[in-house]
């Protein structure tokens, strides 16, 4: 069901819909991508979890124009730069 929900979400994003946390189908995992950066020549996203564990997401399907979120084949990522990442960690997400 997750891949179907992700494909439906991709269709919505491609038509100009602006995502909000509570409007994304619950079958689509959402993650805070802390201290994120591009990896593998822009073909993947490298980030940290709230507990500073490294994570890599490949198969990028869609990235917002302002690079504040992205959809991959496995999850929806909310991007946070270095300063925002520390705030998220401090506040607990």
C-alpha atoms as a PDB file:
ATOM      1  CA  UNK A   1       0.000   0.000   0.000  1.00  0.00           C
ATOM      2  CA  UNK A   2       2.907   2.359   0.693  1.00  0.00           C
ATOM      3  CA  UNK A   3       4.066   2.471  -2.931  1.00  0.00           C
ATOM      4  CA  UNK A   4       0.516   3.166  -4.145  1.00  0.00           C
ATOM      5  CA  UNK A   5       0.136   5.967  -1.592  1.00  0.00           C
ATOM      6  CA  UNK A   6       3.495   7.413  -2.691  1.00  0.00           C
ATOM      7  CA  UNK A   7       2.465   7.337  -6.366  1.00  0.00           C
ATOM      8  CA  UNK A   8      -0.827   9.082  -5.534  1.00  0.00           C
ATOM      9  CA  UNK A   9       1.119  11.687  -3.557  1.00  0.00           C
ATOM     10  CA  UNK A  10       3.537  12.159  -6.462  1.00  0.00           C
ATOM     11  CA  UNK A  11       0.596  12.821  -8.779  1.00  0.00           C
ATOM     12  CA  UNK A  12      -0.754  15.446  -6.368  1.00  0.00           C
ATOM     13  CA  UNK A  13       2.642  17.137  -6.100  1.00  0.00           C
ATOM     14  CA  UNK A  14       3.067  17.249  -9.876  1.00  0.00           C
ATOM     15  CA  UNK A  15      -0.228  19.109 -10.202  1.00  0.00           C
ATOM     16  CA  UNK A  16       1.004  21.875  -7.881  1.00  0.00           C
ATOM     17  CA  UNK A  17      -0.415  20.745  -4.550  1.00  0.00           C
ATOM     18  CA  UNK A  18       1.530  22.061  -1.548  1.00  0.00           C
ATOM     19  CA  UNK A  19       1.914  19.352   1.112  1.00  0.00           C
ATOM     20  CA  UNK A  20       1.011  19.703   4.761  1.00  0.00           C
ATOM     21  CA  UNK A  21       1.940  17.104   7.354  1.00  0.00           C
ATOM     22  CA  UNK A  22      -1.612  16.217   8.290  1.00  0.00           C
ATOM     23  CA  UNK A  23      -2.775  15.990   4.653  1.00  0.00           C
ATOM     24  CA  UNK A  24      -0.292  13.291   3.607  1.00  0.00           C
ATOM     25  CA  UNK A  25      -1.740   9.763   3.598  1.00  0.00           C
ATOM     26  CA  UNK A  26      -0.708   7.828   6.729  1.00  0.00           C
ATOM     27  CA  UNK A  27       0.784   5.046   4.561  1.00  0.00           C
ATOM     28  CA  UNK A  28       3.493   7.473   3.392  1.00  0.00           C
ATOM     29  CA  UNK A  29       6.274   7.593   6.005  1.00  0.00           C
ATOM     30  CA  UNK A  30       7.316  11.156   6.856  1.00  0.00           C
ATOM     31  CA  UNK A  31      10.754  11.934   8.256  1.00  0.00           C
ATOM     32  CA  UNK A  32      12.629  15.020   9.351  1.00  0.00           C
ATOM     33  CA  UNK A  33      15.801  15.079   7.243  1.00  0.00           C
ATOM     34  CA  UNK A  34      18.206  16.847   9.579  1.00  0.00           C
ATOM     35  CA  UNK A  35      21.510  18.314   8.372  1.00  0.00           C
ATOM     36  CA  UNK A  36      20.635  17.085   4.900  1.00  0.00           C
ATOM     37  CA  UNK A  37      22.751  17.279   1.766  1.00  0.00           C
ATOM     38  CA  UNK A  38      22.832  15.852  -1.733  1.00  0.00           C
ATOM     39  CA  UNK A  39      24.702  12.579  -2.166  1.00  0.00           C
ATOM     40  CA  UNK A  40      25.852  10.529  -5.160  1.00  0.00           C
ATOM     41  CA  UNK A  41      25.895  13.514  -7.538  1.00  0.00           C
ATOM     42  CA  UNK A  42      22.364  14.570  -6.609  1.00  0.00           C
ATOM     43  CA  UNK A  43      20.842  11.122  -7.005  1.00  0.00           C
ATOM     44  CA  UNK A  44      20.291  10.626  -3.276  1.00  0.00           C
ATOM     45  CA  UNK A  45      19.725  12.583  -0.094  1.00  0.00           C
ATOM     46  CA  UNK A  46      21.972  12.101   2.903  1.00  0.00           C
ATOM     47  CA  UNK A  47      20.678  13.226   6.279  1.00  0.00           C
ATOM     48  CA  UNK A  48      20.592  12.499   9.978  1.00  0.00           C
ATOM     49  CA  UNK A  49      17.814  11.314  12.240  1.00  0.00           C
ATOM     50  CA  UNK A  50      17.001  13.175  15.445  1.00  0.00           C
ATOM     51  CA  UNK A  51      19.486  10.912  17.289  1.00  0.00           C
ATOM     52  CA  UNK A  52      22.229  11.787  14.734  1.00  0.00           C
ATOM     53  CA  UNK A  53      22.168   8.445  12.928  1.00  0.00           C
ATOM     54  CA  UNK A  54      23.075   8.719   9.243  1.00  0.00           C
ATOM     55  CA  UNK A  55      20.436   7.937   6.621  1.00  0.00           C
ATOM     56  CA  UNK A  56      20.529   7.876   2.827  1.00  0.00           C
ATOM     57  CA  UNK A  57      17.420   8.057   0.648  1.00  0.00           C
ATOM     58  CA  UNK A  58      17.747   7.307  -3.040  1.00  0.00           C
ATOM     59  CA  UNK A  59      15.244   7.113  -5.861  1.00  0.00           C
ATOM     60  CA  UNK A  60      14.166  10.751  -5.553  1.00  0.00           C
ATOM     61  CA  UNK A  61      10.795  11.270  -7.203  1.00  0.00           C
ATOM     62  CA  UNK A  62      10.143  14.958  -6.531  1.00  0.00           C
ATOM     63  CA  UNK A  63      11.853  17.894  -4.811  1.00  0.00           C
ATOM     64  CA  UNK A  64      10.141  21.166  -3.973  1.00  0.00           C
ATOM     65  CA  UNK A  65      11.217  24.251  -5.865  1.00  0.00           C
ATOM     66  CA  UNK A  66      12.608  25.774  -2.649  1.00  0.00           C
ATOM     67  CA  UNK A  67      14.233  22.507  -1.541  1.00  0.00           C
ATOM     68  CA  UNK A  68      12.315  22.357   1.723  1.00  0.00           C
ATOM     69  CA  UNK A  69      10.939  18.835   1.171  1.00  0.00           C
ATOM     70  CA  UNK A  70      11.280  15.850  -1.133  1.00  0.00           C
ATOM     71  CA  UNK A  71       9.450  12.674  -2.034  1.00  0.00           C
ATOM     72  CA  UNK A  72      11.419   9.467  -2.513  1.00  0.00           C
ATOM     73  CA  UNK A  73      10.175   6.017  -3.417  1.00  0.00           C
ATOM     74  CA  UNK A  74      10.134   5.107   0.287  1.00  0.00           C
ATOM     75  CA  UNK A  75       9.345   8.289   2.249  1.00  0.00           C
ATOM     76  CA  UNK A  76       8.429  11.953   2.312  1.00  0.00           C
ATOM     77  CA  UNK A  77      11.269  14.055   3.739  1.00  0.00           C
ATOM     78  CA  UNK A  78      10.979  17.425   5.440  1.00  0.00           C
ATOM     79  CA  UNK A  79      14.359  19.156   4.977  1.00  0.00           C
ATOM     80  CA  UNK A  80      16.035  21.051   7.819  1.00  0.00           C
ATOM     81  CA  UNK A  81      19.316  22.936   7.468  1.00  0.00           C
ATOM     82  CA  UNK A  82      21.977  22.794  10.180  1.00  0.00           C
ATOM     83  CA  UNK A  83      20.458  25.524  12.365  1.00  0.00           C
ATOM     84  CA  UNK A  84      16.898  24.212  12.048  1.00  0.00           C
ATOM     85  CA  UNK A  85      18.151  20.681  12.752  1.00  0.00           C
ATOM     86  CA  UNK A  86      19.481  21.694  16.151  1.00  0.00           C
ATOM     87  CA  UNK A  87      16.158  23.375  16.965  1.00  0.00           C
ATOM     88  CA  UNK A  88      14.276  20.221  15.981  1.00  0.00           C
ATOM     89  CA  UNK A  89      16.568  18.135  18.178  1.00  0.00           C
ATOM     90  CA  UNK A  90      16.194  20.549  21.098  1.00  0.00           C
ATOM     91  CA  UNK A  91      12.417  20.745  20.800  1.00  0.00           C
ATOM     92  CA  UNK A  92      12.050  17.025  20.158  1.00  0.00           C
ATOM     93  CA  UNK A  93      10.724  17.068  16.607  1.00  0.00           C
END
